[in-house]
Structure formats: structure tokens, C-alpha cells
Amino acid sequence: MKTLVSIHDVMPDTMGEVAEQLQICRHLGVEKVTLLVVPGLSWSSSQIEQIRQWQEEGYELAAHGWHHKCETISTLKHQLHSVLLSRDVAEHLCLTSGEIAKLMIRSGNWFEDNGFNRPELYVPPAWALGEITEKALAETGFRMVETLRGVRFPQSGERVSLPLVGFEADTAVRALALTVFNGFSTRASNNRLLRVSLHPHDHKLRLQNNLRTILRNSDESFDYASLWVGCDLRKPYAATS
């Protein structure tokens, strides 16, 4: 199994859990991991330095929203998304196209302001990109944007569909739903590239054994930059719409 492993919600109050998950990945032989950093929080200099150290160790950084919290949940679509998937973290869903673009640009700027290279990848919280136009998305400067379905390449308009598994099972209902979803995704991957999404507490929740099994079965791991450089990784999954 080939995997794209990412750790979501890298925040000041999740640094310890992220370190634990990186240790688990190393122990199980997963070398490539992408860290999804939430910029618009109260970061200390020591925490920023820890992120820098992880990057120097070879871990890829990606921008992940700004506050990772939506201000309002007003539309029916957003309310349904909140109940079924995102709770109160899908901050793009309460913004206009222009506001989403400004948030994404601001998120990317944070990395440069703190001495990092600007990330090539942007992942909206809960994979909810919102109502942003193709033109506005291309102007944010990100080469890749990940959604629930897969990865988009704004400059070319290409979209790549990739199966996804997750383990954020903090309730019995979520554990059941994710077990069914993950089973379908794993079968759909058919030994192709599988996205493995970790959230900071997943290794302590109800599907922690399933998480470790998936990581253990990873024969080869990639980062998202490999999708940009290694076109052969994405061609078999190119979506038609």
C-alpha cells in the first residue's frame, strides 16, 4: 500500500500529541508525513522552532486554515456539514469567495513571515473549501489544495481523486461510520495511493488499532510534493470533472 500520511490541526495546544504521532509513524516505518499547521493562533517562539525542527527532519508543512473555527453557522448546507462532519471548524463555509481567498493568502503569508518557505499545499479545515471561484483559488498562490474528494491543482485546473481514511472516532457513532467509510476507501484504493488523515488525538481514540494497522501496512509513503513532481503518482486517478 502506498500512502499519503498527514497530521491535521498542528496547533500550540496539540504539539505534544503531534510529536507522539510522529513517533508512532517512525516506529511503524512511515517516513513521509505532512503536517497541517493552523497559523492564526498564539504561537510561542519555542513552538515555531519545533515546527522548524520537524521541517528540517524532512516533514512537509501545509497551511490549514487560519483559526480553524467558524464564526457563524447560518446556511442549511453549513448546518448539515457541521452535524455530519465538521462541527464548528469549517471556517470557509461562513465566508464569501473573496474572504476565503484573503484567508488562504494570509495563511500562506504566516509561514514566510516566520522564516519558512511558503507551503505548496493548502488544506481547508474539514476539507470544506467553500464557495471560492476558480480564478480566486488560482490567485492564492498554492500549487495544491486538498478537499474531501482529492487534490486540486489551481494553476492548471486539474483535479485528482484519491481515496481517504480517517480515525477521529471520539464517539461510538463516529467509530462505526468511519469503520464503514475506511473499509470502502481501502478497498477502493486497490493498492494504489491512499490518503491517511490523522488528527492529534486519534492514536488514543476508538480506532487507534485500525490506525496502526493502516500505517503498518504502508509499504511506501509519500508527501504531497511528490504529487506535484511525480506526475506518474497522480495520472491514474485524474478525475474527469
Protein backbone atom coordinates (compact mmCIF):
# COMPACT_ATOMS: atom_id res chain seq x y z
CA MET A 1 0.00 0.00 0.00
CA LYS A 2 1.28 3.44 -0.96
CA THR A 3 0.22 6.20 1.42
CA LEU A 4 -0.01 9.97 1.78
CA VAL A 5 0.01 10.49 5.55
CA SER A 6 -0.98 13.83 7.07
CA ILE A 7 -1.42 15.08 10.64
CA HIS A 8 -4.13 17.73 10.89
CA ASP A 9 -4.60 20.52 13.40
CA VAL A 10 -0.99 21.22 14.35
CA MET A 11 -1.70 23.90 16.96
CA PRO A 12 0.00 25.28 20.07
CA ASP A 13 -2.11 23.00 22.30
CA THR A 14 -1.62 19.84 20.20
CA MET A 15 2.16 19.85 19.84
CA GLY A 16 2.62 17.00 22.33
CA GLU A 17 0.11 14.77 20.55
CA VAL A 18 1.64 15.57 17.17
CA ALA A 19 5.07 14.55 18.50
CA GLU A 20 3.58 11.27 19.75
CA GLN A 21 2.03 10.55 16.36
CA LEU A 22 5.28 11.28 14.55
CA GLN A 23 6.98 8.81 16.87
CA ILE A 24 4.34 6.19 16.06
CA CYS A 25 4.84 6.80 12.33
CA ARG A 26 8.61 6.42 12.66
CA HIS A 27 8.19 3.23 14.71
CA LEU A 28 5.91 1.74 12.05
CA GLY A 29 8.22 2.70 9.19
CA VAL A 30 6.30 5.67 7.77
CA GLU A 31 8.95 8.22 6.84
CA LYS A 32 6.94 10.81 4.91
CA VAL A 33 4.36 12.79 6.90
CA THR A 34 2.75 16.14 6.08
CA LEU A 35 1.99 18.47 8.99
CA LEU A 36 -1.08 20.71 8.62
CA VAL A 37 -0.32 23.86 10.59
CA VAL A 38 -3.03 26.30 11.77
CA PRO A 39 -1.28 29.71 11.63
CA GLY A 40 -3.68 32.18 13.25
CA LEU A 41 -3.20 31.11 16.86
CA SER A 42 -0.98 32.17 19.75
CA TRP A 43 2.32 30.55 18.80
CA SER A 44 5.34 30.84 21.05
CA SER A 45 8.85 31.14 19.62
CA SER A 46 9.75 27.71 21.01
CA GLN A 47 6.74 26.11 19.32
CA ILE A 48 7.62 27.72 16.00
CA GLU A 49 11.15 26.45 16.45
CA GLN A 50 9.78 22.94 16.98
CA ILE A 51 7.90 23.16 13.69
CA ARG A 52 11.12 24.33 12.06
CA GLN A 53 12.94 21.32 13.51
CA TRP A 54 10.28 18.96 12.15
CA GLN A 55 10.66 20.53 8.72
CA GLU A 56 14.44 20.12 8.91
CA GLU A 57 13.86 16.44 9.73
CA GLY A 58 12.09 16.12 6.39
CA TYR A 59 8.43 16.58 7.28
CA GLU A 60 6.40 18.60 4.80
CA LEU A 61 4.41 21.62 6.05
CA ALA A 62 0.99 22.66 4.77
CA ALA A 63 -1.29 25.59 5.59
CA HIS A 64 -4.53 24.58 7.33
CA GLY A 65 -7.00 27.45 7.59
CA TRP A 66 -6.40 30.40 9.88
CA HIS A 67 -8.24 29.98 13.20
CA HIS A 68 -9.74 26.55 12.40
CA LYS A 69 -13.01 27.82 13.82
CA CYS A 70 -16.04 29.25 12.03
CA GLU A 71 -17.64 32.42 13.35
CA THR A 72 -21.21 31.56 12.35
CA ILE A 73 -23.17 28.55 11.13
CA SER A 74 -26.10 30.06 9.26
CA THR A 75 -26.87 28.27 5.99
CA LEU A 76 -28.63 24.91 5.83
CA LYS A 77 -25.70 23.42 3.92
CA HIS A 78 -23.28 24.54 6.62
CA GLN A 79 -25.58 23.26 9.38
CA LEU A 80 -25.75 19.81 7.77
CA HIS A 81 -21.98 19.79 7.20
CA SER A 82 -21.48 20.74 10.85
CA VAL A 83 -23.69 17.91 12.15
CA LEU A 84 -22.35 15.22 9.81
CA LEU A 85 -18.66 16.09 9.62
CA SER A 86 -17.15 19.37 10.70
CA ARG A 87 -18.84 20.56 13.92
CA ASP A 88 -17.61 24.16 14.24
CA VAL A 89 -14.27 24.04 12.41
CA ALA A 90 -15.20 24.55 8.73
CA GLU A 91 -14.35 28.24 8.74
CA HIS A 92 -14.51 28.58 4.93
CA LEU A 93 -18.23 27.81 4.89
CA CYS A 94 -19.17 31.09 6.53
CA LEU A 95 -17.11 33.22 4.12
CA THR A 96 -17.51 34.69 0.65
CA SER A 97 -15.17 33.83 -2.23
CA GLY A 98 -13.12 36.96 -1.66
CA GLU A 99 -12.91 36.34 2.08
CA ILE A 100 -11.79 32.75 1.54
CA ALA A 101 -9.05 33.90 -0.84
CA LYS A 102 -7.84 36.51 1.67
CA LEU A 103 -7.79 33.91 4.46
CA MET A 104 -5.77 31.49 2.32
CA ILE A 105 -3.26 34.18 1.31
CA ARG A 106 -2.92 35.30 4.93
CA SER A 107 -2.38 31.70 5.97
CA GLY A 108 0.43 31.26 3.44
CA ASN A 109 2.00 34.60 4.40
CA TRP A 110 2.34 33.45 8.03
CA PHE A 111 4.89 30.85 7.02
CA GLU A 112 7.03 33.35 5.14
CA ASP A 113 6.72 35.87 7.99
CA ASN A 114 8.13 33.24 10.35
CA GLY A 115 11.05 32.22 8.17
CA PHE A 116 9.54 29.18 6.42
CA ASN A 117 9.14 28.64 2.72
CA ARG A 118 5.58 29.26 1.55
CA PRO A 119 3.75 25.91 1.54
CA GLU A 120 2.76 24.37 -1.77
CA LEU A 121 -0.28 22.71 -0.17
CA TYR A 122 -3.35 24.23 1.45
CA VAL A 123 -5.92 22.08 3.26
CA PRO A 124 -9.13 23.82 4.38
CA PRO A 125 -10.39 22.72 7.80
CA ALA A 126 -12.68 19.69 7.45
CA TRP A 127 -11.71 19.73 3.74
CA ALA A 128 -14.51 22.28 3.22
CA LEU A 129 -13.19 24.66 0.57
CA GLY A 130 -16.36 26.72 0.36
CA GLU A 131 -17.70 28.87 -2.48
CA ILE A 132 -14.45 30.19 -3.92
CA THR A 133 -14.16 30.79 -7.65
CA GLU A 134 -11.55 29.02 -9.78
CA LYS A 135 -9.92 32.37 -10.57
CA ALA A 136 -9.70 33.41 -6.92
CA LEU A 137 -8.33 30.00 -5.95
CA ALA A 138 -5.58 30.21 -8.58
CA GLU A 139 -4.60 33.66 -7.31
CA THR A 140 -3.93 32.42 -3.75
CA GLY A 141 -0.56 31.08 -4.90
CA PHE A 142 -0.97 27.49 -3.68
CA ARG A 143 0.03 24.77 -6.11
CA MET A 144 -2.23 22.18 -4.45
CA VAL A 145 -5.46 22.31 -2.47
CA GLU A 146 -6.82 19.20 -0.78
CA THR A 147 -10.55 18.54 -0.49
CA LEU A 148 -12.56 15.58 0.74
CA ARG A 149 -12.51 14.07 -2.74
CA GLY A 150 -8.84 14.51 -3.52
CA VAL A 151 -6.32 17.14 -4.59
CA ARG A 152 -6.84 20.13 -6.86
CA PHE A 153 -4.11 21.91 -8.84
CA PRO A 154 -5.42 25.50 -9.15
CA GLN A 155 -2.92 26.69 -11.75
CA SER A 156 -3.86 24.01 -14.28
CA GLY A 157 -7.41 23.27 -13.14
CA GLU A 158 -6.56 19.58 -12.79
CA ARG A 159 -8.37 17.56 -10.13
CA VAL A 160 -7.16 14.24 -8.78
CA SER A 161 -9.45 11.85 -6.93
CA LEU A 162 -7.71 9.91 -4.14
CA PRO A 163 -9.28 7.61 -1.51
CA LEU A 164 -9.13 8.78 2.10
CA VAL A 165 -9.23 7.15 5.54
CA GLY A 166 -9.68 8.91 8.89
CA PHE A 167 -9.77 7.93 12.56
CA GLU A 168 -11.30 10.85 14.51
CA ALA A 169 -13.65 8.49 16.36
CA ASP A 170 -14.44 10.17 19.67
CA THR A 171 -17.95 8.66 19.82
CA ALA A 172 -19.38 5.20 19.09
CA VAL A 173 -21.41 6.59 16.18
CA ARG A 174 -18.36 8.19 14.62
CA ALA A 175 -16.36 4.99 15.12
CA LEU A 176 -18.98 2.97 13.26
CA ALA A 177 -19.32 5.49 10.44
CA LEU A 178 -15.56 5.77 9.99
CA THR A 179 -15.10 2.00 10.05
CA VAL A 180 -17.55 1.64 7.18
CA PHE A 181 -16.07 4.62 5.30
CA ASN A 182 -12.48 3.44 5.80
CA GLY A 183 -13.34 -0.06 4.64
CA PHE A 184 -14.80 1.30 1.44
CA SER A 185 -11.84 3.63 0.86
CA THR A 186 -9.27 0.92 1.50
CA ARG A 187 -10.94 -1.40 -0.99
CA ALA A 188 -11.27 1.42 -3.48
CA SER A 189 -7.56 2.17 -3.24
CA ASN A 190 -6.79 -1.32 -4.61
CA ASN A 191 -3.14 -0.99 -3.55
CA ARG A 192 -2.91 2.47 -5.08
CA LEU A 193 -2.17 5.76 -3.34
CA LEU A 194 -4.24 6.11 -0.13
CA ARG A 195 -4.58 9.31 1.88
CA VAL A 196 -4.26 8.61 5.61
CA SER A 197 -5.57 11.52 7.69
CA LEU A 198 -4.63 11.71 11.37
CA HIS A 199 -5.97 14.15 13.93
CA PRO A 200 -3.95 14.81 17.09
CA HIS A 201 -5.87 12.52 19.46
CA ASP A 202 -6.64 9.67 17.04
CA HIS A 203 -3.96 7.38 18.47
CA LYS A 204 -5.87 7.44 21.79
CA LEU A 205 -9.41 7.09 20.44
CA ARG A 206 -11.65 4.16 19.49
CA LEU A 207 -9.96 3.35 16.17
CA GLN A 208 -6.37 3.54 17.38
CA ASN A 209 -5.69 -0.11 16.47
CA ASN A 210 -7.08 0.41 12.96
CA LEU A 211 -4.86 3.47 12.61
CA ARG A 212 -1.75 1.48 13.49
CA THR A 213 -2.74 -1.35 11.15
CA ILE A 214 -3.05 1.03 8.20
CA LEU A 215 0.32 2.63 8.97
CA ARG A 216 1.96 -0.76 9.44
CA ASN A 217 0.67 -1.89 6.05
CA SER A 218 2.18 1.13 4.30
CA ASP A 219 4.91 -0.21 2.03
CA GLU A 220 5.89 3.25 0.83
CA SER A 221 4.91 6.74 1.97
CA PHE A 222 4.92 9.99 0.01
CA ASP A 223 4.43 13.66 0.73
CA TYR A 224 2.15 15.91 -1.30
CA ALA A 225 5.08 17.49 -3.11
CA SER A 226 5.52 14.08 -4.74
CA LEU A 227 2.18 14.61 -6.46
CA TRP A 228 3.49 17.80 -8.00
CA VAL A 229 6.88 16.45 -9.07
CA GLY A 230 5.98 12.81 -9.68
CA CYS A 231 3.14 13.14 -12.14
CA ASP A 232 3.02 9.35 -12.50
CA LEU A 233 1.60 9.16 -8.98
CA ARG A 234 -1.48 11.15 -9.89
CA LYS A 235 -2.21 10.26 -13.52
CA PRO A 236 -4.11 7.03 -12.75
CA TYR A 237 -6.50 8.97 -10.52
CA ALA A 238 -7.20 12.02 -12.72
CA ALA A 239 -10.85 13.00 -12.35
CA THR A 240 -12.94 13.90 -15.37
CA SER A 241 -14.85 16.67 -13.66
